[in-house]
C-alpha atoms as a PDB file:
ATOM      1  CA  MET A   1      69.039 -30.923  40.854  1.00  0.00           C
ATOM      2  CA  ASN A   2      69.570 -34.534  39.844  1.00  0.00           C
ATOM      3  CA  SER A   3      66.194 -35.917  38.750  1.00  0.00           C
ATOM      4  CA  LYS A   4      67.352 -39.533  39.080  1.00  0.00           C
ATOM      5  CA  ARG A   5      68.192 -39.013  42.765  1.00  0.00           C
ATOM      6  CA  LEU A   6      64.848 -37.366  43.484  1.00  0.00           C
ATOM      7  CA  SER A   7      63.033 -40.126  41.637  1.00  0.00           C
ATOM      8  CA  SER A   8      64.666 -42.770  43.824  1.00  0.00           C
ATOM      9  CA  LEU A   9      63.628 -40.827  46.924  1.00  0.00           C
ATOM     10  CA  SER A  10      60.013 -40.160  46.059  1.00  0.00           C
ATOM     11  CA  SER A  11      59.358 -43.708  44.784  1.00  0.00           C
ATOM     12  CA  ASP A  12      60.681 -45.545  47.831  1.00  0.00           C
ATOM     13  CA  PRO A  13      57.851 -46.845  50.032  1.00  0.00           C
ATOM     14  CA  ALA A  14      59.982 -46.678  53.174  1.00  0.00           C
ATOM     15  CA  VAL A  15      60.683 -42.962  52.740  1.00  0.00           C
ATOM     16  CA  GLN A  16      57.342 -41.265  52.313  1.00  0.00           C
ATOM     17  CA  THR A  17      56.015 -37.722  52.398  1.00  0.00           C
ATOM     18  CA  ALA A  18      52.978 -38.307  54.589  1.00  0.00           C
ATOM     19  CA  GLY A  19      52.370 -35.529  57.059  1.00  0.00           C
ATOM     20  CA  MET A  20      54.484 -32.923  55.259  1.00  0.00           C
ATOM     21  CA  SER A  21      52.466 -29.985  54.001  1.00  0.00           C
ATOM     22  CA  ASP A  22      53.082 -26.345  53.252  1.00  0.00           C
ATOM     23  CA  SER A  23      51.666 -23.344  55.071  1.00  0.00           C
ATOM     24  CA  GLY A  24      48.675 -23.317  52.734  1.00  0.00           C
ATOM     25  CA  GLY A  25      47.702 -26.804  53.791  1.00  0.00           C
ATOM     26  CA  GLY A  26      48.560 -28.511  50.492  1.00  0.00           C
ATOM     27  CA  ASP A  27      50.744 -31.568  50.257  1.00  0.00           C
ATOM     28  CA  ARG A  28      54.299 -31.114  49.000  1.00  0.00           C
ATOM     29  CA  SER A  29      56.228 -33.712  47.042  1.00  0.00           C
ATOM     30  CA  LEU A  30      59.469 -34.938  48.577  1.00  0.00           C
ATOM     31  CA  SER A  31      61.426 -33.209  45.817  1.00  0.00           C
ATOM     32  CA  GLY A  32      59.738 -29.940  46.763  1.00  0.00           C
ATOM     33  CA  VAL A  33      60.553 -30.424  50.435  1.00  0.00           C
ATOM     34  CA  LEU A  34      64.196 -31.075  49.631  1.00  0.00           C
ATOM     35  CA  GLN A  35      64.446 -28.033  47.368  1.00  0.00           C
ATOM     36  CA  LEU A  36      62.837 -25.736  49.911  1.00  0.00           C
ATOM     37  CA  SER A  37      64.899 -27.026  52.807  1.00  0.00           C
ATOM     38  CA  HIS A  38      68.206 -26.858  50.951  1.00  0.00           C
ATOM     39  CA  GLY A  39      67.469 -23.440  49.502  1.00  0.00           C
ATOM     40  CA  ARG A  40      66.357 -21.923  52.806  1.00  0.00           C
ATOM     41  CA  TYR A  41      69.046 -23.223  55.089  1.00  0.00           C
ATOM     42  CA  GLY A  42      71.895 -23.872  52.637  1.00  0.00           C
ATOM     43  CA  LEU A  43      74.698 -26.249  53.515  1.00  0.00           C
ATOM     44  CA  GLN A  44      75.410 -27.256  57.090  1.00  0.00           C
ATOM     45  CA  VAL A  45      77.817 -24.806  58.756  1.00  0.00           C
ATOM     46  CA  THR A  46      79.545 -27.827  60.276  1.00  0.00           C
ATOM     47  CA  PRO A  47      78.784 -30.931  58.221  1.00  0.00           C
ATOM     48  CA  ILE A  48      76.862 -33.711  59.950  1.00  0.00           C
ATOM     49  CA  HIS A  49      78.542 -37.091  59.441  1.00  0.00           C
ATOM     50  CA  VAL A  50      76.172 -40.048  59.302  1.00  0.00           C
ATOM     51  CA  LEU A  51      76.853 -43.790  59.174  1.00  0.00           C
ATOM     52  CA  LEU A  52      73.964 -45.742  57.659  1.00  0.00           C
ATOM     53  CA  VAL A  53      73.828 -49.494  58.315  1.00  0.00           C
ATOM     54  CA  GLU A  54      71.080 -50.765  56.008  1.00  0.00           C
ATOM     55  CA  ASP A  55      71.061 -53.857  53.776  1.00  0.00           C
ATOM     56  CA  ASP A  56      68.207 -52.742  51.496  1.00  0.00           C
ATOM     57  CA  ASP A  57      69.871 -50.917  48.586  1.00  0.00           C
ATOM     58  CA  GLN A  58      66.771 -48.993  47.516  1.00  0.00           C
ATOM     59  CA  ILE A  59      66.062 -47.652  50.989  1.00  0.00           C
ATOM     60  CA  ALA A  60      69.723 -46.877  51.617  1.00  0.00           C
ATOM     61  CA  ASP A  61      70.113 -45.029  48.311  1.00  0.00           C
ATOM     62  CA  SER A  62      66.989 -42.976  49.008  1.00  0.00           C
ATOM     63  CA  ILE A  63      68.107 -41.954  52.490  1.00  0.00           C
ATOM     64  CA  ARG A  64      71.645 -41.209  51.344  1.00  0.00           C
ATOM     65  CA  ALA A  65      70.523 -39.067  48.411  1.00  0.00           C
ATOM     66  CA  GLY A  66      68.181 -37.019  50.590  1.00  0.00           C
ATOM     67  CA  LEU A  67      70.735 -36.453  53.354  1.00  0.00           C
ATOM     68  CA  GLU A  68      73.455 -35.480  50.888  1.00  0.00           C
ATOM     69  CA  LEU A  69      71.121 -32.897  49.368  1.00  0.00           C
ATOM     70  CA  GLU A  70      70.897 -31.410  52.866  1.00  0.00           C
ATOM     71  CA  GLY A  71      74.682 -31.113  53.106  1.00  0.00           C
ATOM     72  CA  PHE A  72      75.282 -34.217  55.238  1.00  0.00           C
ATOM     73  CA  THR A  73      78.119 -36.640  54.559  1.00  0.00           C
ATOM     74  CA  VAL A  74      76.954 -40.243  54.521  1.00  0.00           C
ATOM     75  CA  GLN A  75      78.861 -43.508  54.770  1.00  0.00           C
ATOM     76  CA  ARG A  76      76.924 -46.715  54.251  1.00  0.00           C
ATOM     77  CA  THR A  77      77.453 -50.402  54.947  1.00  0.00           C
ATOM     78  CA  ARG A  78      75.181 -53.449  54.797  1.00  0.00           C
ATOM     79  CA  MET A  79      76.700 -55.466  57.643  1.00  0.00           C
ATOM     80  CA  ALA A  80      76.727 -54.984  61.423  1.00  0.00           C
ATOM     81  CA  GLU A  81      80.320 -56.209  61.673  1.00  0.00           C
ATOM     82  CA  GLU A  82      81.518 -53.611  59.152  1.00  0.00           C
ATOM     83  CA  GLY A  83      79.520 -50.916  60.922  1.00  0.00           C
ATOM     84  CA  LEU A  84      81.314 -51.453  64.233  1.00  0.00           C
ATOM     85  CA  GLY A  85      84.703 -51.345  62.500  1.00  0.00           C
ATOM     86  CA  LEU A  86      83.816 -48.094  60.761  1.00  0.00           C
ATOM     87  CA  LEU A  87      82.675 -46.521  64.015  1.00  0.00           C
ATOM     88  CA  ARG A  88      85.979 -47.364  65.668  1.00  0.00           C
ATOM     89  CA  SER A  89      88.107 -46.028  62.808  1.00  0.00           C
ATOM     90  CA  ASN A  90      86.015 -43.059  61.702  1.00  0.00           C
ATOM     91  CA  PRO A  91      83.790 -41.473  64.392  1.00  0.00           C
ATOM     92  CA  VAL A  92      80.494 -40.075  63.127  1.00  0.00           C
ATOM     93  CA  ASP A  93      77.800 -37.802  64.549  1.00  0.00           C
ATOM     94  CA  VAL A  94      74.857 -40.201  64.170  1.00  0.00           C
ATOM     95  CA  LEU A  95      74.395 -43.893  63.375  1.00  0.00           C
ATOM     96  CA  LEU A  96      71.240 -44.840  61.431  1.00  0.00           C
ATOM     97  CA  LEU A  97      70.751 -48.520  62.153  1.00  0.00           C
ATOM     98  CA  ASP A  98      68.456 -51.140  60.667  1.00  0.00           C
ATOM     99  CA  ILE A  99      67.658 -54.060  62.955  1.00  0.00           C
ATOM    100  CA  MET A 100      67.246 -56.925  60.464  1.00  0.00           C
ATOM    101  CA  LEU A 101      70.655 -57.317  58.839  1.00  0.00           C
ATOM    102  CA  PRO A 102      72.466 -60.279  57.287  1.00  0.00           C
ATOM    103  CA  GLY A 103      74.743 -61.954  59.831  1.00  0.00           C
ATOM    104  CA  LYS A 104      74.638 -60.137  63.150  1.00  0.00           C
ATOM    105  CA  SER A 105      71.524 -58.075  63.808  1.00  0.00           C
ATOM    106  CA  GLY A 106      71.455 -54.356  64.401  1.00  0.00           C
ATOM    107  CA  LEU A 107      70.761 -55.025  68.086  1.00  0.00           C
ATOM    108  CA  HIS A 108      73.994 -57.055  68.320  1.00  0.00           C
ATOM    109  CA  LEU A 109      75.879 -54.089  66.846  1.00  0.00           C
ATOM    110  CA  LEU A 110      74.199 -51.742  69.304  1.00  0.00           C
ATOM    111  CA  LEU A 111      75.053 -53.895  72.312  1.00  0.00           C
ATOM    112  CA  GLU A 112      78.682 -54.289  71.171  1.00  0.00           C
ATOM    113  CA  MET A 113      78.975 -50.529  70.678  1.00  0.00           C
ATOM    114  CA  ARG A 114      77.796 -49.732  74.160  1.00  0.00           C
ATOM    115  CA  ALA A 115      79.886 -52.532  75.693  1.00  0.00           C
ATOM    116  CA  ASN A 116      82.940 -50.990  74.004  1.00  0.00           C
ATOM    117  CA  ARG A 117      81.943 -47.511  75.235  1.00  0.00           C
ATOM    118  CA  VAL A 118      81.191 -46.194  71.753  1.00  0.00           C
ATOM    119  CA  ASP A 119      78.717 -43.435  72.627  1.00  0.00           C
ATOM    120  CA  THR A 120      77.697 -42.356  69.102  1.00  0.00           C
ATOM    121  CA  PRO A 121      73.973 -41.425  69.067  1.00  0.00           C
ATOM    122  CA  VAL A 122      71.924 -44.191  67.426  1.00  0.00           C
ATOM    123  CA  LEU A 123      68.630 -43.810  65.580  1.00  0.00           C
ATOM    124  CA  ILE A 124      67.040 -47.181  64.814  1.00  0.00           C
ATOM    125  CA  LEU A 125      65.210 -47.426  61.474  1.00  0.00           C
ATOM    126  CA  THR A 126      63.054 -50.554  61.335  1.00  0.00           C
ATOM    127  CA  ALA A 127      59.751 -52.034  60.273  1.00  0.00           C
ATOM    128  CA  ARG A 128      59.313 -53.572  63.722  1.00  0.00           C
ATOM    129  CA  ASP A 129      56.697 -51.392  65.372  1.00  0.00           C
ATOM    130  CA  THR A 130      55.441 -53.119  68.514  1.00  0.00           C
ATOM    131  CA  VAL A 131      55.894 -51.555  71.927  1.00  0.00           C
ATOM    132  CA  GLY A 132      58.122 -54.479  72.886  1.00  0.00           C
ATOM    133  CA  ASP A 133      60.382 -53.865  69.885  1.00  0.00           C
ATOM    134  CA  ARG A 134      60.718 -50.188  70.760  1.00  0.00           C
ATOM    135  CA  VAL A 135      61.480 -50.925  74.405  1.00  0.00           C
ATOM    136  CA  LEU A 136      64.077 -53.540  73.441  1.00  0.00           C
ATOM    137  CA  GLY A 137      65.794 -51.164  71.031  1.00  0.00           C
ATOM    138  CA  LEU A 138      65.930 -48.293  73.504  1.00  0.00           C
ATOM    139  CA  GLU A 139      67.047 -50.506  76.400  1.00  0.00           C
ATOM    140  CA  SER A 140      69.808 -51.938  74.190  1.00  0.00           C
ATOM    141  CA  GLY A 141      71.299 -48.459  73.889  1.00  0.00           C
ATOM    142  CA  ALA A 142      69.466 -46.669  71.074  1.00  0.00           C
ATOM    143  CA  ASP A 143      68.752 -42.968  71.488  1.00  0.00           C
ATOM    144  CA  ASP A 144      65.708 -42.854  69.205  1.00  0.00           C
ATOM    145  CA  TYR A 145      63.465 -45.187  67.194  1.00  0.00           C
ATOM    146  CA  LEU A 146      61.769 -44.528  63.844  1.00  0.00           C
ATOM    147  CA  VAL A 147      59.386 -47.019  62.221  1.00  0.00           C
ATOM    148  CA  LYS A 148      59.352 -47.608  58.458  1.00  0.00           C
ATOM    149  CA  PRO A 149      57.756 -46.191  56.420  1.00  0.00           C
ATOM    150  CA  PHE A 150      58.618 -42.726  57.695  1.00  0.00           C
ATOM    151  CA  ALA A 151      58.463 -39.155  56.404  1.00  0.00           C
ATOM    152  CA  PHE A 152      61.831 -37.882  55.269  1.00  0.00           C
ATOM    153  CA  GLY A 153      61.260 -34.594  57.090  1.00  0.00           C
ATOM    154  CA  GLU A 154      60.839 -36.462  60.364  1.00  0.00           C
ATOM    155  CA  LEU A 155      64.088 -38.350  59.770  1.00  0.00           C
ATOM    156  CA  LEU A 156      65.912 -35.035  59.258  1.00  0.00           C
ATOM    157  CA  ALA A 157      64.387 -33.531  62.389  1.00  0.00           C
ATOM    158  CA  ARG A 158      65.334 -36.515  64.536  1.00  0.00           C
ATOM    159  CA  ILE A 159      68.926 -36.590  63.257  1.00  0.00           C
ATOM    160  CA  ARG A 160      69.363 -32.873  63.947  1.00  0.00           C
ATOM    161  CA  ALA A 161      67.852 -33.271  67.411  1.00  0.00           C
ATOM    162  CA  LEU A 162      70.407 -35.981  68.221  1.00  0.00           C
ATOM    163  CA  VAL A 163      73.261 -33.826  66.932  1.00  0.00           C
ATOM    164  CA  ARG A 164      72.152 -30.866  69.059  1.00  0.00           C
ATOM    165  CA  ARG A 165      72.574 -33.023  72.159  1.00  0.00           C
ATOM    166  CA  ILE A 166      76.255 -33.721  71.493  1.00  0.00           C
ATOM    167  CA  ARG A 167      77.420 -30.501  69.837  1.00  0.00           C
ATOM    168  CA  PRO A 168      77.832 -27.152  71.546  1.00  0.00           C
ATOM    169  CA  SER A 169      75.792 -24.303  70.145  1.00  0.00           C
ATOM    170  CA  GLN A 170      77.228 -23.132  66.851  1.00  0.00           C
ATOM    171  CA  THR A 171      77.920 -19.501  66.196  1.00  0.00           C
ATOM    172  CA  ASP A 172      76.646 -17.837  63.057  1.00  0.00           C
ATOM    173  CA  ALA A 173      80.195 -16.991  61.955  1.00  0.00           C
ATOM    174  CA  LEU A 174      82.938 -19.018  60.290  1.00  0.00           C
ATOM    175  CA  ARG A 175      86.560 -17.887  60.586  1.00  0.00           C
ATOM    176  CA  CYS A 176      89.881 -18.738  59.010  1.00  0.00           C
ATOM    177  CA  GLY A 177      92.710 -16.395  59.940  1.00  0.00           C
ATOM    178  CA  ASP A 178      91.508 -12.842  59.284  1.00  0.00           C
ATOM    179  CA  LEU A 179      88.646 -14.104  57.088  1.00  0.00           C
ATOM    180  CA  GLU A 180      85.192 -14.037  58.681  1.00  0.00           C
ATOM    181  CA  ILE A 181      81.918 -15.242  57.177  1.00  0.00           C
ATOM    182  CA  ASP A 182      78.661 -14.122  58.778  1.00  0.00           C
ATOM    183  CA  VAL A 183      76.327 -16.917  57.699  1.00  0.00           C
ATOM    184  CA  ASP A 184      73.062 -15.185  58.638  1.00  0.00           C
ATOM    185  CA  ALA A 185      73.955 -11.774  57.210  1.00  0.00           C
ATOM    186  CA  HIS A 186      75.581 -13.284  54.100  1.00  0.00           C
ATOM    187  CA  THR A 187      78.635 -11.040  54.486  1.00  0.00           C
ATOM    188  CA  VAL A 188      82.352 -11.770  54.240  1.00  0.00           C
ATOM    189  CA  THR A 189      85.182  -9.650  55.615  1.00  0.00           C
ATOM    190  CA  ARG A 190      88.928 -10.029  55.366  1.00  0.00           C
ATOM    191  CA  ALA A 191      91.622  -7.842  56.909  1.00  0.00           C
ATOM    192  CA  GLY A 192      88.864  -5.507  58.108  1.00  0.00           C
ATOM    193  CA  GLY A 193      87.374  -4.957  54.657  1.00  0.00           C
ATOM    194  CA  THR A 194      84.155  -6.303  53.170  1.00  0.00           C
ATOM    195  CA  LEU A 195      84.404  -8.654  50.184  1.00  0.00           C
ATOM    196  CA  THR A 196      81.849  -8.443  47.387  1.00  0.00           C
ATOM    197  CA  LEU A 197      80.919 -11.986  46.397  1.00  0.00           C
ATOM    198  CA  THR A 198      78.247 -13.475  44.193  1.00  0.00           C
ATOM    199  CA  ARG A 199      75.754 -15.874  45.765  1.00  0.00           C
ATOM    200  CA  LEU A 200      77.627 -18.855  44.301  1.00  0.00           C
ATOM    201  CA  GLU A 201      81.006 -17.551  45.462  1.00  0.00           C
ATOM    202  CA  PHE A 202      79.592 -17.095  48.960  1.00  0.00           C
ATOM    203  CA  GLU A 203      78.311 -20.690  49.043  1.00  0.00           C
ATOM    204  CA  VAL A 204      81.629 -22.068  47.795  1.00  0.00           C
ATOM    205  CA  LEU A 205      83.635 -20.057  50.334  1.00  0.00           C
ATOM    206  CA  LYS A 206      81.304 -21.069  53.167  1.00  0.00           C
ATOM    207  CA  TYR A 207      81.648 -24.710  52.124  1.00  0.00           C
ATOM    208  CA  LEU A 208      85.449 -24.461  52.084  1.00  0.00           C
ATOM    209  CA  CYS A 209      85.590 -22.629  55.407  1.00  0.00           C
ATOM    210  CA  ALA A 210      83.396 -25.212  57.136  1.00  0.00           C
ATOM    211  CA  ARG A 211      85.946 -27.803  55.986  1.00  0.00           C
ATOM    212  CA  GLN A 212      89.079 -25.695  56.462  1.00  0.00           C
ATOM    213  CA  GLY A 213      92.259 -27.673  56.681  1.00  0.00           C
ATOM    214  CA  HIS A 214      90.707 -30.484  54.653  1.00  0.00           C
ATOM    215  CA  ILE A 215      90.856 -30.982  50.888  1.00  0.00           C
ATOM    216  CA  VAL A 216      87.619 -30.272  49.022  1.00  0.00           C
ATOM    217  CA  THR A 217      87.534 -32.110  45.712  1.00  0.00           C
ATOM    218  CA  ARG A 218      85.926 -30.890  42.509  1.00  0.00           C
ATOM    219  CA  GLU A 219      83.537 -33.809  42.814  1.00  0.00           C
ATOM    220  CA  MET A 220      82.380 -32.554  46.222  1.00  0.00           C
ATOM    221  CA  LEU A 221      81.803 -29.041  44.864  1.00  0.00           C
ATOM    222  CA  ALA A 222      79.919 -30.372  41.855  1.00  0.00           C
ATOM    223  CA  ARG A 223      77.720 -32.545  44.053  1.00  0.00           C
ATOM    224  CA  ASP A 224      77.041 -30.174  46.943  1.00  0.00           C
ATOM    225  CA  ILE A 225      77.203 -26.696  45.358  1.00  0.00           C
ATOM    226  CA  TRP A 226      76.267 -27.245  41.712  1.00  0.00           C
ATOM    227  CA  GLN A 227      73.987 -30.185  42.582  1.00  0.00           C
ATOM    228  CA  ASP A 228      75.408 -32.333  39.796  1.00  0.00           C
ATOM    229  CA  ARG A 229      77.309 -35.595  40.207  1.00  0.00           C
ATOM    230  CA  ASN A 230      78.850 -35.327  36.723  1.00  0.00           C
ATOM    231  CA  TYR A 231      81.746 -33.284  38.053  1.00  0.00           C
ATOM    232  CA  SER A 232      83.985 -33.860  35.020  1.00  0.00           C
ATOM    233  CA  ALA A 233      81.569 -31.821  32.893  1.00  0.00           C
ATOM    234  CA  LEU A 234      81.876 -28.970  35.400  1.00  0.00           C
ATOM    235  CA  ASP A 235      85.654 -29.141  35.757  1.00  0.00           C
ATOM    236  CA  ASN A 236      86.423 -25.961  33.795  1.00  0.00           C
ATOM    237  CA  ILE A 237      83.473 -24.080  35.269  1.00  0.00           C
ATOM    238  CA  ILE A 238      84.580 -24.900  38.809  1.00  0.00           C
ATOM    239  CA  ASP A 239      88.168 -23.863  38.064  1.00  0.00           C
ATOM    240  CA  VAL A 240      87.051 -20.516  36.616  1.00  0.00           C
ATOM    241  CA  HIS A 241      84.965 -19.767  39.698  1.00  0.00           C
ATOM    242  CA  MET A 242      87.817 -20.740  41.994  1.00  0.00           C
ATOM    243  CA  VAL A 243      90.228 -18.399  40.175  1.00  0.00           C
ATOM    244  CA  ARG A 244      87.786 -15.502  40.631  1.00  0.00           C
ATOM    245  CA  LEU A 245      87.149 -16.387  44.264  1.00  0.00           C
ATOM    246  CA  ARG A 246      90.872 -16.632  45.010  1.00  0.00           C
ATOM    247  CA  ARG A 247      91.444 -13.145  43.611  1.00  0.00           C
ATOM    248  CA  LYS A 248      88.740 -11.673  45.798  1.00  0.00           C
ATOM    249  CA  VAL A 249      89.821 -13.518  48.951  1.00  0.00           C
ATOM    250  CA  ASP A 250      93.611 -13.407  48.657  1.00  0.00           C
ATOM    251  CA  ASP A 251      94.406 -10.212  46.730  1.00  0.00           C
ATOM    252  CA  VAL A 252      93.417  -8.098  49.742  1.00  0.00           C
ATOM    253  CA  SER A 253      96.038  -9.635  52.028  1.00  0.00           C
ATOM    254  CA  THR A 254      99.663 -10.749  51.987  1.00  0.00           C
ATOM    255  CA  SER A 255      98.597 -14.068  53.552  1.00  0.00           C
ATOM    256  CA  LYS A 256      97.103 -16.629  51.164  1.00  0.00           C
ATOM    257  CA  LEU A 257      94.212 -18.744  52.377  1.00  0.00           C
ATOM    258  CA  LEU A 258      92.855 -20.499  49.289  1.00  0.00           C
ATOM    259  CA  HIS A 259      95.175 -23.121  47.823  1.00  0.00           C
ATOM    260  CA  THR A 260      94.930 -25.534  44.901  1.00  0.00           C
ATOM    261  CA  VAL A 261      95.908 -29.148  45.479  1.00  0.00           C
ATOM    262  CA  ARG A 262      97.032 -30.166  42.001  1.00  0.00           C
ATOM    263  CA  GLY A 263      94.966 -32.948  40.498  1.00  0.00           C
ATOM    264  CA  VAL A 264      92.743 -33.222  43.570  1.00  0.00           C
ATOM    265  CA  GLY A 265      90.908 -30.038  44.524  1.00  0.00           C
ATOM    266  CA  PHE A 266      91.190 -27.093  46.884  1.00  0.00           C
ATOM    267  CA  ILE A 267      91.851 -26.321  50.527  1.00  0.00           C
ATOM    268  CA  LEU A 268      91.263 -23.265  52.712  1.00  0.00           C
ATOM    269  CA  ARG A 269      93.888 -22.865  55.430  1.00  0.00           C
ATOM    270  CA  GLU A 270      96.219 -20.350  56.979  1.00  0.00           C
ATOM    271  CA  GLN A 271      99.773 -20.393  55.758  1.00  0.00           C
ATOM    272  CA  VAL A 272     102.211 -21.704  58.320  1.00  0.00           C
ATOM    273  CA  SER A 273     105.173 -19.355  58.608  1.00  0.00           C
END
């Protein structure tokens, strides 16, 4: 796990660990919380896409690093005007919105969104903590309100609660053609037979299947599976694992699912006849 990213998280005063403790009653560091959460639940079956509108670089970097460790995809901008443009061109699951921004305020963005019938769930992140501030934010169209400084675990819980409102219940299986991944049971079948995969191969295949039809770059695999942003150092390692995974997935069927996109990455998809 990248120590620099964890350092930026745990040192940020706006993202604190207060209130998070383990079953034994002892306090856990933020790095410990992230490791436990990521290890227990793994990557999101369907990735959660978040837009973060926050002008404070330190806070934004801390939030982004923590969410990406949880398997989220995060896009960030500093300006309200840019945020509205991004929402129109690239719909997301949740908007994390600061109120005090350069130029237009977060409330202006929120009002414009709702006036333009953009119904993306909005979680306000702000230092303004009076009852009047909360009422104003919620009446302007926000779905939830979180006051800085906040516990990272609470931020995660609130984002997931918002996503549950707009997404149908997810099954515990991922499918692509005759390939089926049972996420809970950690089993993979293809053409009626069970595939024997290592833990890492299972995580890679699950990651690809959740994004089927879309290119997964080596950088994404290095960041989200190997937990290392220096993907160029892992280039050969990733390629070796992909060769082994392709043999296990595709050698049992006449239909190929796992394809290499030369110079870019990989994609899992059914062949179109």
